[in-house]
Amino acid sequence: MTDAQEAPSFRLGYVPGVTPAKWVRVWRERFPDVPLALVATPAAEASDVLRDGGADAAFVRLPVDRTVFSAIPLYTETTVVVVPKDHVVTAAEEVTVADLADEVVFHPLDDVFDWERPPGEPAFERPATTEDAVELVAAGVGVLLVPQSLARLHHRRDLTYRPVVDAPQSAIGLAWPEEATTDQVDDLIGIVRGRTVNSTRGRTQPPAAQPKQRGRTEATGTARKAKPKPKPKPATGKAGKASQPTGRRGKPRRRS
């Protein structure tokens, strides 16, 4: 049959530096019948991919156009400077932008930072990609500032990095077209926010609690039998015999 209905699927985009494995694992455990396809996309193109329908949602670098997209901020990355292992910067645990004033700092065309003015001395040209800039750092031509995840992504044995405490930072968030907030997007939001499968805010609701039946025990569910009330004991006199009513009223007469 050529018109057979295909199983629904969900396309999840992600930019370089983001590792979506933990969220993908939870999705596949909860929704095994809904295939999840990963769509790798450059950071600068993530908005276009979402707008054009290339992905249903994506892990992107913020900010995004909030008139078009909804977004949930997830975390902010540490900014680091990538340098050769024998660079003078490696003598410190962390550095400042001022420490790089005399360094040639590469500013690749796919730079994720919105610099008013990049620090250091400008390079003779802008590398096309961050990967190309890393190659130039390895050649000893200059240094590069990137989010820590990108430093790890492009790791080389001859390079290392140090945190830059006062540099701009890059934030990661989950974004999707505001007009396309589907049930599957809601499912992904629940996973990203850490909701359990039985969360009341998720689509899967826990079963309603059954009311307890009256007169049944919790342990066995058998009917409880009412205990008979004890019969009142007759009053007894000094000899232990039951006292008989005299039928007389008033106070007893005093003996003389």
Protein backbone atom coordinates (compact mmCIF):
# COMPACT_ATOMS: atom_id res chain seq x y z
CA MET A 1 0.00 0.00 0.00
CA THR A 2 1.50 3.31 -1.04
CA ASP A 3 -0.87 5.40 1.09
CA ALA A 4 0.04 3.75 4.37
CA GLN A 5 0.18 6.25 7.21
CA GLU A 6 3.70 6.85 8.43
CA ALA A 7 4.52 6.85 12.14
CA PRO A 8 4.76 10.37 13.62
CA SER A 9 8.27 11.69 14.17
CA PHE A 10 9.88 14.63 15.93
CA ARG A 11 12.85 16.61 14.59
CA LEU A 12 15.13 18.14 17.19
CA GLY A 13 17.81 20.61 16.12
CA TYR A 14 20.95 21.41 18.07
CA VAL A 15 23.86 23.79 17.60
CA PRO A 16 27.57 22.96 17.98
CA GLY A 17 28.59 22.56 21.60
CA VAL A 18 25.23 21.23 22.78
CA THR A 19 25.05 17.56 23.73
CA PRO A 20 21.37 16.50 23.65
CA ALA A 21 22.03 12.83 24.52
CA LYS A 22 20.43 12.85 28.00
CA TRP A 23 17.19 14.38 26.72
CA VAL A 24 17.10 12.08 23.70
CA ARG A 25 17.48 9.05 25.98
CA VAL A 26 14.50 10.11 28.13
CA TRP A 27 12.40 10.80 25.02
CA ARG A 28 13.06 7.33 23.62
CA GLU A 29 12.18 5.72 26.95
CA ARG A 30 8.86 7.59 27.26
CA PHE A 31 7.81 7.73 23.61
CA PRO A 32 9.26 4.66 21.87
CA ASP A 33 6.61 4.90 19.14
CA VAL A 34 7.63 8.46 18.16
CA PRO A 35 11.03 8.47 16.39
CA LEU A 36 13.24 11.42 17.27
CA ALA A 37 15.54 12.70 14.52
CA LEU A 38 18.50 14.94 15.42
CA VAL A 39 19.25 17.88 13.11
CA ALA A 40 22.72 19.42 13.52
CA THR A 41 22.76 23.08 12.50
CA PRO A 42 25.22 25.97 12.71
CA ALA A 43 24.37 28.44 15.46
CA ALA A 44 23.79 31.29 13.00
CA GLU A 45 21.30 29.20 10.98
CA ALA A 46 19.24 27.72 13.82
CA SER A 47 16.48 30.34 13.60
CA ASP A 48 16.13 29.83 9.84
CA VAL A 49 15.93 26.06 10.29
CA LEU A 50 13.07 26.45 12.79
CA ARG A 51 11.30 29.10 10.72
CA ASP A 52 11.48 26.97 7.56
CA GLY A 53 10.22 23.82 9.29
CA GLY A 54 13.52 21.96 9.20
CA ALA A 55 13.12 21.16 12.91
CA ASP A 56 10.17 21.15 15.31
CA ALA A 57 12.31 22.53 18.16
CA ALA A 58 16.01 23.16 18.70
CA PHE A 59 18.65 23.76 21.31
CA VAL A 60 19.98 27.17 20.26
CA ARG A 61 22.22 29.96 21.44
CA LEU A 62 20.20 32.77 22.89
CA PRO A 63 18.80 35.28 22.25
CA VAL A 64 16.21 34.49 19.58
CA ASP A 65 13.48 36.63 18.06
CA ARG A 66 10.75 36.40 20.71
CA THR A 67 8.14 37.77 18.33
CA VAL A 68 8.49 34.54 16.34
CA PHE A 69 9.86 31.95 18.76
CA SER A 70 9.14 30.76 22.26
CA ALA A 71 12.25 29.88 24.26
CA ILE A 72 13.24 28.37 27.60
CA PRO A 73 16.69 29.39 28.92
CA LEU A 74 18.62 26.35 30.13
CA TYR A 75 22.15 27.33 31.14
CA THR A 76 24.94 29.85 30.57
CA GLU A 77 28.40 28.73 29.53
CA THR A 78 31.78 29.81 30.83
CA THR A 79 33.86 31.72 28.28
CA VAL A 80 37.44 30.49 27.83
CA VAL A 81 40.51 31.52 25.85
CA VAL A 82 42.08 28.75 23.76
CA VAL A 83 45.90 28.90 23.70
CA PRO A 84 48.88 26.63 23.00
CA LYS A 85 49.94 24.58 26.03
CA ASP A 86 53.20 26.52 26.42
CA HIS A 87 51.47 29.94 26.32
CA VAL A 88 52.13 32.37 29.18
CA VAL A 89 48.38 32.45 29.96
CA THR A 90 48.57 28.88 31.26
CA ALA A 91 50.49 30.09 34.33
CA ALA A 92 47.19 31.44 35.75
CA GLU A 93 44.00 29.61 36.73
CA GLU A 94 41.87 32.30 35.07
CA VAL A 95 42.42 35.52 33.14
CA THR A 96 40.69 38.79 32.26
CA VAL A 97 40.08 40.50 28.94
CA ALA A 98 42.77 43.04 29.86
CA ASP A 99 45.31 40.20 30.11
CA LEU A 100 44.76 39.57 26.39
CA ALA A 101 45.27 43.19 25.28
CA ASP A 102 48.55 42.42 23.52
CA GLU A 103 47.40 39.13 21.98
CA VAL A 104 46.11 38.59 18.45
CA VAL A 105 42.56 37.42 19.10
CA PHE A 106 40.73 35.66 16.28
CA HIS A 107 37.14 36.67 15.54
CA PRO A 108 35.72 33.96 13.23
CA LEU A 109 32.70 34.64 11.05
CA ASP A 110 30.64 32.15 13.05
CA ASP A 111 31.58 33.73 16.39
CA VAL A 112 28.72 33.27 18.86
CA PHE A 113 29.56 36.41 20.88
CA ASP A 114 28.04 39.79 20.14
CA TRP A 115 31.18 41.86 20.67
CA GLU A 116 31.00 45.63 20.66
CA ARG A 117 34.73 45.44 20.09
CA PRO A 118 36.66 42.16 20.22
CA PRO A 119 39.51 42.18 22.75
CA GLY A 120 43.20 42.15 21.84
CA GLU A 121 44.77 42.93 18.52
CA PRO A 122 42.73 42.12 15.38
CA ALA A 123 44.02 39.32 13.16
CA PHE A 124 44.99 39.96 9.54
CA GLU A 125 41.71 38.32 8.48
CA ARG A 126 38.67 36.68 10.02
CA PRO A 127 38.66 32.88 9.83
CA ALA A 128 35.57 31.41 8.23
CA THR A 129 34.76 29.06 11.11
CA THR A 130 35.69 28.42 14.72
CA GLU A 131 37.37 25.21 13.62
CA ASP A 132 39.61 27.19 11.24
CA ALA A 133 40.46 29.60 14.07
CA VAL A 134 41.48 26.71 16.32
CA GLU A 135 43.90 25.55 13.62
CA LEU A 136 45.48 29.00 13.57
CA VAL A 137 45.82 28.98 17.37
CA ALA A 138 47.62 25.64 17.12
CA ALA A 139 49.99 27.27 14.63
CA GLY A 140 50.89 29.86 17.27
CA VAL A 141 49.41 32.80 15.35
CA GLY A 142 46.94 34.02 17.98
CA VAL A 143 44.33 33.03 20.57
CA LEU A 144 40.59 32.45 20.49
CA LEU A 145 37.71 33.16 22.88
CA VAL A 146 34.83 30.65 22.78
CA PRO A 147 32.24 29.06 25.05
CA GLN A 148 33.76 26.17 26.97
CA SER A 149 31.70 23.58 25.09
CA LEU A 150 33.25 24.67 21.79
CA ALA A 151 36.73 24.47 23.27
CA ARG A 152 35.95 20.88 24.22
CA LEU A 153 34.37 20.14 20.85
CA HIS A 154 37.52 21.26 19.00
CA HIS A 155 39.96 19.84 21.55
CA ARG A 156 43.56 19.21 20.48
CA ARG A 157 46.39 17.71 22.50
CA ASP A 158 48.63 20.69 21.82
CA LEU A 159 46.05 23.23 23.03
CA THR A 160 44.47 24.12 26.35
CA TYR A 161 42.18 26.85 27.68
CA ARG A 162 41.60 29.11 30.67
CA PRO A 163 38.38 30.84 31.89
CA VAL A 164 38.03 34.55 31.07
CA VAL A 165 36.14 35.96 34.04
CA ASP A 166 34.87 39.24 32.54
CA ALA A 167 34.16 38.18 28.94
CA PRO A 168 30.66 37.98 27.42
CA GLN A 169 28.93 34.64 27.91
CA SER A 170 26.74 32.50 25.69
CA ALA A 171 23.43 31.05 26.92
CA ILE A 172 21.76 27.87 25.65
CA GLY A 173 17.99 27.48 25.42
CA LEU A 174 15.25 25.37 23.89
CA ALA A 175 13.36 27.26 21.18
CA TRP A 176 10.45 26.51 18.86
CA PRO A 177 8.07 28.51 16.62
CA GLU A 178 5.43 30.06 18.87
CA GLU A 179 2.62 29.19 16.46
CA ALA A 180 3.71 25.53 16.36
CA THR A 181 3.53 24.55 20.03
CA THR A 182 2.38 20.98 19.46
CA ASP A 183 1.76 18.19 21.96
CA GLN A 184 5.17 16.77 21.09
CA VAL A 185 6.82 20.11 21.83
CA ASP A 186 5.04 20.10 25.20
CA ASP A 187 6.39 16.60 25.82
CA LEU A 188 9.93 17.79 25.11
CA ILE A 189 9.48 20.81 27.38
CA GLY A 190 8.47 18.46 30.18
CA ILE A 191 11.59 16.35 29.65
CA VAL A 192 13.90 19.35 29.55
CA ARG A 193 12.36 20.76 32.73
CA GLY A 194 12.77 17.45 34.52
CA ARG A 195 9.13 16.53 34.89
CA THR A 196 8.37 12.91 35.68
CA VAL A 197 6.18 10.77 33.47
CA ASN A 198 3.31 11.15 35.98
CA SER A 199 3.69 14.90 36.43
CA THR A 200 0.36 16.71 36.62
CA ARG A 201 1.73 19.30 34.19
CA GLY A 202 2.53 16.70 31.56
CA ARG A 203 0.17 15.09 29.10
CA THR A 204 0.27 11.73 30.88
CA GLN A 205 -1.93 11.95 33.97
CA PRO A 206 -1.77 9.51 36.88
CA PRO A 207 -4.88 7.34 37.44
CA ALA A 208 -7.47 8.79 39.77
CA ALA A 209 -7.35 7.45 43.30
CA GLN A 210 -10.17 5.03 44.11
CA PRO A 211 -12.35 6.08 47.08
CA LYS A 212 -12.11 3.80 50.08
CA GLN A 213 -15.17 1.67 50.75
CA ARG A 214 -16.79 2.07 54.10
CA GLY A 215 -16.75 -0.82 56.49
CA ARG A 216 -13.75 -2.54 54.90
CA THR A 217 -10.30 -2.91 56.34
CA GLU A 218 -7.33 -1.53 54.40
CA ALA A 219 -5.27 -4.70 54.75
CA THR A 220 -7.79 -7.41 53.80
CA GLY A 221 -10.71 -5.54 52.27
CA THR A 222 -13.15 -7.67 54.32
CA ALA A 223 -16.22 -6.21 55.92
CA ARG A 224 -15.85 -5.11 59.50
CA LYS A 225 -18.36 -6.60 61.96
CA ALA A 226 -19.78 -4.34 64.62
CA LYS A 227 -18.91 -5.54 68.15
CA PRO A 228 -21.99 -6.28 70.33
CA LYS A 229 -22.47 -3.91 73.21
CA PRO A 230 -22.02 -5.55 76.66
CA LYS A 231 -25.21 -6.09 78.70
CA PRO A 232 -25.42 -3.97 81.87
CA LYS A 233 -24.72 -5.92 85.08
CA PRO A 234 -27.39 -5.85 87.78
CA ALA A 235 -26.57 -3.90 90.94
CA THR A 236 -25.65 -6.04 93.99
CA GLY A 237 -26.08 -5.54 97.72
CA LYS A 238 -23.68 -6.35 100.53
CA ALA A 239 -24.21 -10.09 100.22
CA GLY A 240 -23.59 -10.00 96.56
CA LYS A 241 -27.22 -10.56 95.72
CA ALA A 242 -29.09 -8.43 93.33
CA SER A 243 -30.87 -5.57 95.04
CA GLN A 244 -34.62 -5.58 94.70
CA PRO A 245 -36.58 -2.41 94.35
CA THR A 246 -38.65 -1.60 97.47
CA GLY A 247 -41.15 0.58 95.78
CA ARG A 248 -40.83 3.15 98.67
CA ARG A 249 -39.87 6.74 98.14
CA GLY A 250 -38.28 9.31 100.39
CA LYS A 251 -35.62 8.99 103.11
CA PRO A 252 -35.30 5.81 105.22
CA ARG A 253 -36.60 6.05 108.82
CA ARG A 254 -34.00 6.32 111.60
CA ARG A 255 -33.98 3.56 114.16
CA SER A 256 -34.39 4.57 117.82
